[in-house]
C-alpha atoms as a PDB file:
ATOM      1  CA  MET A   1      -0.064  -0.026   0.099  1.00  0.00           C
ATOM      2  CA  ARG A   2       1.741   3.255  -1.008  1.00  0.00           C
ATOM      3  CA  VAL A   3       0.956   5.959   1.595  1.00  0.00           C
ATOM      4  CA  ARG A   4       3.934   8.184   1.816  1.00  0.00           C
ATOM      5  CA  GLY A   5       4.454  10.744   4.505  1.00  0.00           C
ATOM      6  CA  PHE A   6       0.910  11.740   5.173  1.00  0.00           C
ATOM      7  CA  ARG A   7       0.537  14.306   7.743  1.00  0.00           C
ATOM      8  CA  GLY A   8      -2.974  15.473   7.599  1.00  0.00           C
ATOM      9  CA  SER A   9      -5.669  14.299  10.132  1.00  0.00           C
ATOM     10  CA  PHE A  10      -8.880  14.007   8.032  1.00  0.00           C
ATOM     11  CA  LEU A  11      -7.648  10.705   6.340  1.00  0.00           C
ATOM     12  CA  ALA A  12      -5.815   9.211   9.404  1.00  0.00           C
ATOM     13  CA  GLY A  13      -8.953   6.957  10.156  1.00  0.00           C
ATOM     14  CA  ALA A  14      -9.204   5.976   6.565  1.00  0.00           C
ATOM     15  CA  LEU A  15      -5.632   4.853   6.381  1.00  0.00           C
ATOM     16  CA  ALA A  16      -5.568   3.012   9.769  1.00  0.00           C
ATOM     17  CA  LEU A  17      -8.655   1.163   8.617  1.00  0.00           C
ATOM     18  CA  ALA A  18      -6.997   0.156   5.531  1.00  0.00           C
ATOM     19  CA  CYS A  19      -3.709  -0.901   7.206  1.00  0.00           C
ATOM     20  CA  LEU A  20      -5.461  -2.813  10.160  1.00  0.00           C
ATOM     21  CA  ALA A  21      -8.098  -4.778   8.007  1.00  0.00           C
ATOM     22  CA  PRO A  22      -7.272  -8.256   7.201  1.00  0.00           C
ATOM     23  CA  ALA A  23      -5.258  -8.819   4.187  1.00  0.00           C
ATOM     24  CA  PRO A  24      -7.309 -10.072   1.243  1.00  0.00           C
ATOM     25  CA  GLY A  25      -6.607 -13.723   0.644  1.00  0.00           C
ATOM     26  CA  ARG A  26      -7.291 -13.851  -3.064  1.00  0.00           C
ATOM     27  CA  ALA A  27      -7.234 -11.435  -6.023  1.00  0.00           C
ATOM     28  CA  ASP A  28     -10.968 -12.207  -6.481  1.00  0.00           C
ATOM     29  CA  ASP A  29     -11.481 -10.508  -3.176  1.00  0.00           C
ATOM     30  CA  ALA A  30     -10.784  -7.241  -4.792  1.00  0.00           C
ATOM     31  CA  ALA A  31     -13.973  -7.385  -6.678  1.00  0.00           C
ATOM     32  CA  VAL A  32     -15.871  -7.296  -3.469  1.00  0.00           C
ATOM     33  CA  LEU A  33     -13.850  -4.620  -1.964  1.00  0.00           C
ATOM     34  CA  VAL A  34     -14.320  -2.533  -5.141  1.00  0.00           C
ATOM     35  CA  GLN A  35     -18.093  -2.930  -4.966  1.00  0.00           C
ATOM     36  CA  GLN A  36     -18.073  -1.893  -1.434  1.00  0.00           C
ATOM     37  CA  ALA A  37     -15.773   1.012  -2.348  1.00  0.00           C
ATOM     38  CA  ARG A  38     -18.001   2.257  -5.034  1.00  0.00           C
ATOM     39  CA  ALA A  39     -20.993   2.173  -2.791  1.00  0.00           C
ATOM     40  CA  ALA A  40     -19.059   4.397  -0.112  1.00  0.00           C
ATOM     41  CA  GLU A  41     -18.157   6.520  -2.892  1.00  0.00           C
ATOM     42  CA  ALA A  42     -21.759   7.079  -4.076  1.00  0.00           C
ATOM     43  CA  ARG A  43     -22.871   8.093  -0.658  1.00  0.00           C
ATOM     44  CA  TYR A  44     -19.671  10.752  -0.554  1.00  0.00           C
ATOM     45  CA  ASP A  45     -17.882   8.756   2.106  1.00  0.00           C
ATOM     46  CA  THR A  46     -14.492   9.554   0.846  1.00  0.00           C
ATOM     47  CA  ALA A  47     -12.561   8.065   3.639  1.00  0.00           C
ATOM     48  CA  ALA A  48     -14.311   4.621   3.661  1.00  0.00           C
ATOM     49  CA  ALA A  49     -14.045   4.495  -0.119  1.00  0.00           C
ATOM     50  CA  LEU A  50     -10.266   5.335   0.014  1.00  0.00           C
ATOM     51  CA  ALA A  51      -9.737   2.717   2.744  1.00  0.00           C
ATOM     52  CA  LEU A  52     -11.507  -0.083   0.555  1.00  0.00           C
ATOM     53  CA  PHE A  53      -9.824   0.845  -2.726  1.00  0.00           C
ATOM     54  CA  LEU A  54      -6.383   0.755  -0.987  1.00  0.00           C
ATOM     55  CA  GLN A  55      -7.345  -2.710   0.343  1.00  0.00           C
ATOM     56  CA  ALA A  56      -8.534  -3.686  -3.303  1.00  0.00           C
ATOM     57  CA  ASP A  57      -5.158  -2.568  -4.493  1.00  0.00           C
ATOM     58  CA  ALA A  58      -3.312  -4.761  -2.153  1.00  0.00           C
ATOM     59  CA  ALA A  59      -5.541  -7.611  -3.318  1.00  0.00           C
ATOM     60  CA  ARG A  60      -4.931  -6.825  -6.987  1.00  0.00           C
ATOM     61  CA  PRO A  61      -1.897  -4.735  -7.464  1.00  0.00           C
ATOM     62  CA  ASN A  62      -1.463  -2.493 -10.660  1.00  0.00           C
ATOM     63  CA  ASP A  63      -5.102  -2.518 -11.671  1.00  0.00           C
ATOM     64  CA  PRO A  64      -5.332   0.799 -13.506  1.00  0.00           C
ATOM     65  CA  VAL A  65      -9.128   1.033 -12.441  1.00  0.00           C
ATOM     66  CA  ILE A  66      -8.297   0.627  -8.826  1.00  0.00           C
ATOM     67  CA  LEU A  67      -5.381   3.113  -9.134  1.00  0.00           C
ATOM     68  CA  GLN A  68      -7.515   5.684 -10.805  1.00  0.00           C
ATOM     69  CA  LYS A  69     -10.251   5.388  -8.014  1.00  0.00           C
ATOM     70  CA  ILE A  70      -7.546   5.673  -5.281  1.00  0.00           C
ATOM     71  CA  SER A  71      -6.644   8.895  -7.013  1.00  0.00           C
ATOM     72  CA  ARG A  72     -10.069  10.167  -7.265  1.00  0.00           C
ATOM     73  CA  GLN A  73     -10.402   9.648  -3.558  1.00  0.00           C
ATOM     74  CA  TYR A  74      -7.584  11.542  -2.540  1.00  0.00           C
ATOM     75  CA  SER A  75      -8.419  14.441  -5.036  1.00  0.00           C
ATOM     76  CA  ASP A  76     -12.058  14.407  -3.383  1.00  0.00           C
ATOM     77  CA  ALA A  77     -10.542  14.553   0.042  1.00  0.00           C
ATOM     78  CA  THR A  78      -9.352  17.964  -0.590  1.00  0.00           C
ATOM     79  CA  ASN A  79     -12.951  19.160  -0.380  1.00  0.00           C
ATOM     80  CA  ASP A  80     -13.039  17.875   3.325  1.00  0.00           C
ATOM     81  CA  THR A  81     -10.218  19.822   4.776  1.00  0.00           C
ATOM     82  CA  THR A  82      -9.342  23.480   5.120  1.00  0.00           C
ATOM     83  CA  ASP A  83      -5.684  22.736   5.813  1.00  0.00           C
ATOM     84  CA  VAL A  84      -3.441  24.104   2.838  1.00  0.00           C
ATOM     85  CA  THR A  85      -0.653  21.613   3.543  1.00  0.00           C
ATOM     86  CA  GLU A  86      -2.940  18.658   3.785  1.00  0.00           C
ATOM     87  CA  LYS A  87      -4.612  19.728   0.602  1.00  0.00           C
ATOM     88  CA  LYS A  88      -1.190  19.788  -1.259  1.00  0.00           C
ATOM     89  CA  GLN A  89      -0.342  16.287   0.241  1.00  0.00           C
ATOM     90  CA  LEU A  90      -3.563  14.936  -1.007  1.00  0.00           C
ATOM     91  CA  CYS A  91      -3.201  16.434  -4.537  1.00  0.00           C
ATOM     92  CA  ALA A  92       0.320  15.099  -4.716  1.00  0.00           C
ATOM     93  CA  LEU A  93      -0.896  11.428  -3.854  1.00  0.00           C
ATOM     94  CA  ALA A  94      -3.733  11.878  -6.170  1.00  0.00           C
ATOM     95  CA  LEU A  95      -1.411  12.538  -9.165  1.00  0.00           C
ATOM     96  CA  ASP A  96       0.828   9.853  -8.121  1.00  0.00           C
ATOM     97  CA  TYR A  97      -1.853   7.366  -8.541  1.00  0.00           C
ATOM     98  CA  ALA A  98      -3.290   8.952 -11.732  1.00  0.00           C
ATOM     99  CA  ARG A  99       0.023   8.806 -13.344  1.00  0.00           C
ATOM    100  CA  ARG A 100       0.383   5.047 -12.362  1.00  0.00           C
ATOM    101  CA  ALA A 101      -2.889   4.366 -13.769  1.00  0.00           C
ATOM    102  CA  THR A 102      -1.985   6.051 -16.900  1.00  0.00           C
ATOM    103  CA  ASP A 103       1.200   4.388 -17.278  1.00  0.00           C
ATOM    104  CA  LEU A 104      -0.552   0.993 -17.201  1.00  0.00           C
ATOM    105  CA  ALA A 105      -3.804   2.074 -19.454  1.00  0.00           C
ATOM    106  CA  PRO A 106      -2.411   5.172 -21.391  1.00  0.00           C
ATOM    107  CA  ASN A 107      -5.466   4.788 -23.814  1.00  0.00           C
ATOM    108  CA  ASP A 108      -8.037   5.089 -21.049  1.00  0.00           C
ATOM    109  CA  PRO A 109      -9.454   8.730 -21.364  1.00  0.00           C
ATOM    110  CA  VAL A 110     -10.626   8.537 -17.650  1.00  0.00           C
ATOM    111  CA  ASN A 111      -6.920   8.118 -16.695  1.00  0.00           C
ATOM    112  CA  GLN A 112      -5.620  10.888 -18.914  1.00  0.00           C
ATOM    113  CA  LEU A 113      -8.147  13.196 -17.616  1.00  0.00           C
ATOM    114  CA  SER A 114      -7.444  12.259 -13.979  1.00  0.00           C
ATOM    115  CA  VAL A 115      -3.817  13.383 -14.670  1.00  0.00           C
ATOM    116  CA  ALA A 116      -5.109  16.635 -16.141  1.00  0.00           C
ATOM    117  CA  ILE A 117      -7.268  17.320 -13.154  1.00  0.00           C
ATOM    118  CA  CYS A 118      -4.479  16.433 -10.634  1.00  0.00           C
ATOM    119  CA  TYR A 119      -2.147  18.730 -12.187  1.00  0.00           C
ATOM    120  CA  GLY A 120      -4.621  21.522 -12.189  1.00  0.00           C
ATOM    121  CA  LYS A 121      -5.313  21.103  -8.509  1.00  0.00           C
ATOM    122  CA  LEU A 122      -1.692  20.573  -7.543  1.00  0.00           C
ATOM    123  CA  GLY A 123      -0.924  23.793  -9.520  1.00  0.00           C
ATOM    124  CA  LEU A 124      -3.001  25.825  -6.905  1.00  0.00           C
ATOM    125  CA  TYR A 125      -0.403  25.248  -4.446  1.00  0.00           C
ATOM    126  CA  SER A 126       2.739  25.725  -6.535  1.00  0.00           C
ATOM    127  CA  ASP A 127       5.130  28.447  -7.420  1.00  0.00           C
ATOM    128  CA  ALA A 128       4.624  30.552 -10.507  1.00  0.00           C
ATOM    129  CA  ALA A 129       6.828  28.645 -12.777  1.00  0.00           C
ATOM    130  CA  THR A 130       5.405  25.319 -11.608  1.00  0.00           C
ATOM    131  CA  LYS A 131       1.878  26.713 -12.163  1.00  0.00           C
ATOM    132  CA  VAL A 132       2.763  27.412 -15.723  1.00  0.00           C
ATOM    133  CA  ALA A 133       4.307  24.079 -16.457  1.00  0.00           C
ATOM    134  CA  TYR A 134       1.215  22.275 -14.901  1.00  0.00           C
ATOM    135  CA  SER A 135      -1.046  24.497 -16.979  1.00  0.00           C
ATOM    136  CA  ARG A 136       0.382  23.162 -20.148  1.00  0.00           C
ATOM    137  CA  LEU A 137       0.173  19.625 -18.761  1.00  0.00           C
ATOM    138  CA  VAL A 138      -3.703  20.072 -17.890  1.00  0.00           C
ATOM    139  CA  LYS A 139      -4.276  21.184 -21.526  1.00  0.00           C
ATOM    140  CA  SER A 140      -2.267  18.426 -23.184  1.00  0.00           C
ATOM    141  CA  HIS A 141      -3.778  15.594 -20.923  1.00  0.00           C
ATOM    142  CA  ALA A 142      -7.228  16.808 -21.258  1.00  0.00           C
ATOM    143  CA  GLU A 143      -6.780  17.009 -24.921  1.00  0.00           C
ATOM    144  CA  ARG A 144      -5.624  13.430 -24.963  1.00  0.00           C
ATOM    145  CA  ALA A 145      -8.530  12.556 -23.200  1.00  0.00           C
ATOM    146  CA  LEU A 146     -10.818  14.141 -25.649  1.00  0.00           C
ATOM    147  CA  ALA A 147      -9.004  12.646 -28.665  1.00  0.00           C
ATOM    148  CA  LEU A 148      -9.598   9.065 -27.132  1.00  0.00           C
ATOM    149  CA  ASN A 149     -13.328   9.869 -26.475  1.00  0.00           C
ATOM    150  CA  PRO A 150     -14.442  13.036 -28.269  1.00  0.00           C
ATOM    151  CA  ASP A 151     -17.798  12.570 -26.403  1.00  0.00           C
ATOM    152  CA  TYR A 152     -16.151  12.514 -22.848  1.00  0.00           C
ATOM    153  CA  ASP A 153     -18.062  15.399 -21.123  1.00  0.00           C
ATOM    154  CA  TYR A 154     -15.667  15.925 -18.263  1.00  0.00           C
ATOM    155  CA  ALA A 155     -12.910  16.489 -20.850  1.00  0.00           C
ATOM    156  CA  HIS A 156     -14.842  19.165 -22.300  1.00  0.00           C
ATOM    157  CA  HIS A 157     -15.469  20.481 -18.922  1.00  0.00           C
ATOM    158  CA  VAL A 158     -11.746  20.677 -18.125  1.00  0.00           C
ATOM    159  CA  LEU A 159     -10.711  22.095 -21.409  1.00  0.00           C
ATOM    160  CA  GLY A 160     -13.523  24.808 -21.035  1.00  0.00           C
ATOM    161  CA  ARG A 161     -12.392  25.882 -17.625  1.00  0.00           C
ATOM    162  CA  TRP A 162      -8.670  25.786 -18.915  1.00  0.00           C
ATOM    163  CA  HIS A 163      -9.545  28.249 -21.757  1.00  0.00           C
ATOM    164  CA  HIS A 164     -11.625  30.268 -19.457  1.00  0.00           C
ATOM    165  CA  GLU A 165      -8.878  30.697 -16.769  1.00  0.00           C
ATOM    166  CA  VAL A 166      -6.031  31.314 -19.326  1.00  0.00           C
ATOM    167  CA  ALA A 167      -7.901  33.540 -21.533  1.00  0.00           C
ATOM    168  CA  THR A 168      -8.685  35.832 -18.562  1.00  0.00           C
ATOM    169  CA  LEU A 169      -5.357  36.312 -17.311  1.00  0.00           C
ATOM    170  CA  GLY A 170      -4.618  39.977 -17.112  1.00  0.00           C
ATOM    171  CA  LEU A 171      -2.264  41.496 -19.713  1.00  0.00           C
ATOM    172  CA  GLY A 172       0.378  42.376 -17.130  1.00  0.00           C
ATOM    173  CA  THR A 173       0.271  38.588 -15.905  1.00  0.00           C
ATOM    174  CA  ARG A 174       0.276  37.146 -19.435  1.00  0.00           C
ATOM    175  CA  PHE A 175       3.233  39.305 -20.278  1.00  0.00           C
ATOM    176  CA  ILE A 176       5.198  38.150 -17.392  1.00  0.00           C
ATOM    177  CA  VAL A 177       4.296  34.568 -18.144  1.00  0.00           C
ATOM    178  CA  GLY A 178       5.605  35.041 -21.661  1.00  0.00           C
ATOM    179  CA  LEU A 179       8.688  36.755 -20.900  1.00  0.00           C
ATOM    180  CA  VAL A 180       9.669  34.666 -17.880  1.00  0.00           C
ATOM    181  CA  TYR A 181       8.209  31.199 -18.343  1.00  0.00           C
ATOM    182  CA  GLY A 182       7.785  30.950 -22.210  1.00  0.00           C
ATOM    183  CA  GLY A 183       4.122  31.664 -22.177  1.00  0.00           C
ATOM    184  CA  LEU A 184       0.981  29.613 -22.501  1.00  0.00           C
ATOM    185  CA  PRO A 185      -0.801  27.969 -25.437  1.00  0.00           C
ATOM    186  CA  PRO A 186      -3.659  30.141 -27.079  1.00  0.00           C
ATOM    187  CA  ALA A 187      -6.804  30.419 -25.238  1.00  0.00           C
ATOM    188  CA  SER A 188     -10.103  32.176 -25.763  1.00  0.00           C
ATOM    189  CA  THR A 189     -13.445  32.508 -23.817  1.00  0.00           C
ATOM    190  CA  ALA A 190     -15.278  31.458 -27.057  1.00  0.00           C
ATOM    191  CA  GLU A 191     -13.446  28.195 -26.826  1.00  0.00           C
ATOM    192  CA  ALA A 192     -14.399  27.938 -23.142  1.00  0.00           C
ATOM    193  CA  VAL A 193     -18.042  28.483 -23.947  1.00  0.00           C
ATOM    194  CA  ARG A 194     -17.905  25.753 -26.592  1.00  0.00           C
ATOM    195  CA  HIS A 195     -16.406  23.353 -24.575  1.00  0.00           C
ATOM    196  CA  CYS A 196     -18.654  23.885 -21.558  1.00  0.00           C
ATOM    197  CA  ARG A 197     -21.790  23.873 -23.702  1.00  0.00           C
ATOM    198  CA  ARG A 198     -20.648  20.518 -25.071  1.00  0.00           C
ATOM    199  CA  ALA A 199     -20.259  19.173 -21.734  1.00  0.00           C
ATOM    200  CA  CYS A 200     -23.676  20.209 -20.779  1.00  0.00           C
ATOM    201  CA  GLU A 201     -25.185  18.599 -24.035  1.00  0.00           C
ATOM    202  CA  LEU A 202     -23.475  15.143 -23.043  1.00  0.00           C
ATOM    203  CA  ALA A 203     -24.290  15.111 -19.574  1.00  0.00           C
ATOM    204  CA  PRO A 204     -27.302  17.631 -18.890  1.00  0.00           C
ATOM    205  CA  GLN A 205     -27.808  16.260 -15.351  1.00  0.00           C
ATOM    206  CA  LEU A 206     -24.679  17.494 -13.842  1.00  0.00           C
ATOM    207  CA  PRO A 207     -24.796  20.968 -12.381  1.00  0.00           C
ATOM    208  CA  SER A 208     -21.218  21.476 -12.526  1.00  0.00           C
ATOM    209  CA  HIS A 209     -21.285  21.530 -16.261  1.00  0.00           C
ATOM    210  CA  ARG A 210     -24.055  24.140 -16.087  1.00  0.00           C
ATOM    211  CA  VAL A 211     -21.999  26.324 -13.713  1.00  0.00           C
ATOM    212  CA  GLU A 212     -18.834  26.273 -15.773  1.00  0.00           C
ATOM    213  CA  LEU A 213     -20.783  27.070 -18.944  1.00  0.00           C
ATOM    214  CA  GLY A 214     -22.466  30.125 -16.954  1.00  0.00           C
ATOM    215  CA  LEU A 215     -18.955  31.369 -15.893  1.00  0.00           C
ATOM    216  CA  ALA A 216     -17.467  30.900 -19.300  1.00  0.00           C
ATOM    217  CA  LEU A 217     -20.444  32.866 -20.784  1.00  0.00           C
ATOM    218  CA  LEU A 218     -19.830  35.572 -18.215  1.00  0.00           C
ATOM    219  CA  ALA A 219     -16.163  35.687 -19.078  1.00  0.00           C
ATOM    220  CA  ASP A 220     -17.279  35.862 -22.792  1.00  0.00           C
ATOM    221  CA  GLY A 221     -19.299  38.912 -22.077  1.00  0.00           C
ATOM    222  CA  GLN A 222     -22.456  37.252 -22.410  1.00  0.00           C
ATOM    223  CA  ARG A 223     -24.110  38.480 -19.205  1.00  0.00           C
ATOM    224  CA  ALA A 224     -27.812  37.779 -19.785  1.00  0.00           C
ATOM    225  CA  ALA A 225     -27.003  34.302 -21.012  1.00  0.00           C
ATOM    226  CA  ALA A 226     -24.684  33.788 -17.941  1.00  0.00           C
ATOM    227  CA  ARG A 227     -27.272  34.852 -15.557  1.00  0.00           C
ATOM    228  CA  GLU A 228     -29.970  32.542 -17.045  1.00  0.00           C
ATOM    229  CA  VAL A 229     -27.485  29.487 -16.962  1.00  0.00           C
ATOM    230  CA  LEU A 230     -26.151  30.060 -13.529  1.00  0.00           C
ATOM    231  CA  GLU A 231     -29.726  30.521 -11.933  1.00  0.00           C
ATOM    232  CA  ALA A 232     -30.809  27.303 -13.791  1.00  0.00           C
ATOM    233  CA  ALA A 233     -27.585  25.460 -12.393  1.00  0.00           C
ATOM    234  CA  LEU A 234     -28.637  26.548  -8.670  1.00  0.00           C
ATOM    235  CA  ARG A 235     -32.099  24.837  -9.378  1.00  0.00           C
ATOM    236  CA  MET A 236     -30.509  21.575  -9.982  1.00  0.00           C
ATOM    237  CA  THR A 237     -30.122  18.701  -7.512  1.00  0.00           C
ATOM    238  CA  PRO A 238     -26.428  18.058  -6.718  1.00  0.00           C
ATOM    239  CA  VAL A 239     -25.168  14.611  -7.796  1.00  0.00           C
ATOM    240  CA  GLU A 240     -21.306  14.793  -7.075  1.00  0.00           C
ATOM    241  CA  LYS A 241     -19.345  15.561  -4.119  1.00  0.00           C
ATOM    242  CA  HIS A 242     -18.050  18.868  -5.550  1.00  0.00           C
ATOM    243  CA  ASP A 243     -21.305  20.150  -6.524  1.00  0.00           C
ATOM    244  CA  PRO A 244     -21.615  22.462  -3.258  1.00  0.00           C
ATOM    245  CA  ALA A 245     -18.285  24.201  -4.251  1.00  0.00           C
ATOM    246  CA  ALA A 246     -19.566  24.512  -7.786  1.00  0.00           C
ATOM    247  CA  PHE A 247     -22.892  26.324  -6.464  1.00  0.00           C
ATOM    248  CA  GLU A 248     -20.854  28.496  -4.433  1.00  0.00           C
ATOM    249  CA  ARG A 249     -19.015  29.817  -7.345  1.00  0.00           C
ATOM    250  CA  ALA A 250     -22.415  30.261  -9.094  1.00  0.00           C
ATOM    251  CA  ARG A 251     -23.682  32.408  -6.230  1.00  0.00           C
ATOM    252  CA  GLU A 252     -20.700  34.514  -6.239  1.00  0.00           C
ATOM    253  CA  ALA A 253     -20.981  35.124  -9.914  1.00  0.00           C
ATOM    254  CA  LEU A 254     -24.384  36.120  -9.586  1.00  0.00           C
ATOM    255  CA  ARG A 255     -23.549  38.485  -6.614  1.00  0.00           C
ATOM    256  CA  GLN A 256     -21.107  40.289  -8.844  1.00  0.00           C
ATOM    257  CA  LEU A 257     -24.076  40.457 -11.368  1.00  0.00           C
ATOM    258  CA  GLY A 258     -26.078  41.964  -8.549  1.00  0.00           C
ATOM    259  CA  ASP A 259     -28.713  38.992  -8.514  1.00  0.00           C
ATOM    260  CA  VAL A 260     -27.928  37.642  -5.007  1.00  0.00           C
END
């Protein structure tokens, strides 16, 4: 079980559970553990899901699906702590497992996108040069995921957000990034809107796609359309662990528009 130097407190119980549980006797036990882990994941019990996926990894080493799921739990756990050091550690662990999954199954779009997401999250806690390097990697891995599956809604989501965030960098910041760090690939709010709209078309039940579309429309200067989409997103039922954070981003955007 690969758990390196973990200092945070949130996952201590999960890791203790994973270490203390009886070692699985057969690789077939992994199927039961994965089933239990998916059930815990569905009820947003990240700590329990992580413990079970780690046990499944011990029973069936080097399974890219299990490794990707471990990565997802570490990534999701960043929503459950306010400690910046812990968040950074969780992101680093998530990236480690995502890269291992991708090394084993590079043609799986979920693995490629997991790497993109992990680089994006880890970049939040990195220095300027690393942020720029990771931003390039976010785009390249998300584009690989989309090339493998052009109808992958979350790949469109991630690319939409990438275009939004890079396109709205201030001129001064963009100049410094270009001068000192070699710049970033071209980005536009129009591309942000296109990708986010496609994500909504592919998975209309997911509020996070709708929120991202609203924010992209706002960045593109389409204020009325942005307001309509963001208000619609806030009427949706949350279905994923990170939806509350997406809803707060929507509320903040509407406050800036003077609506809430």
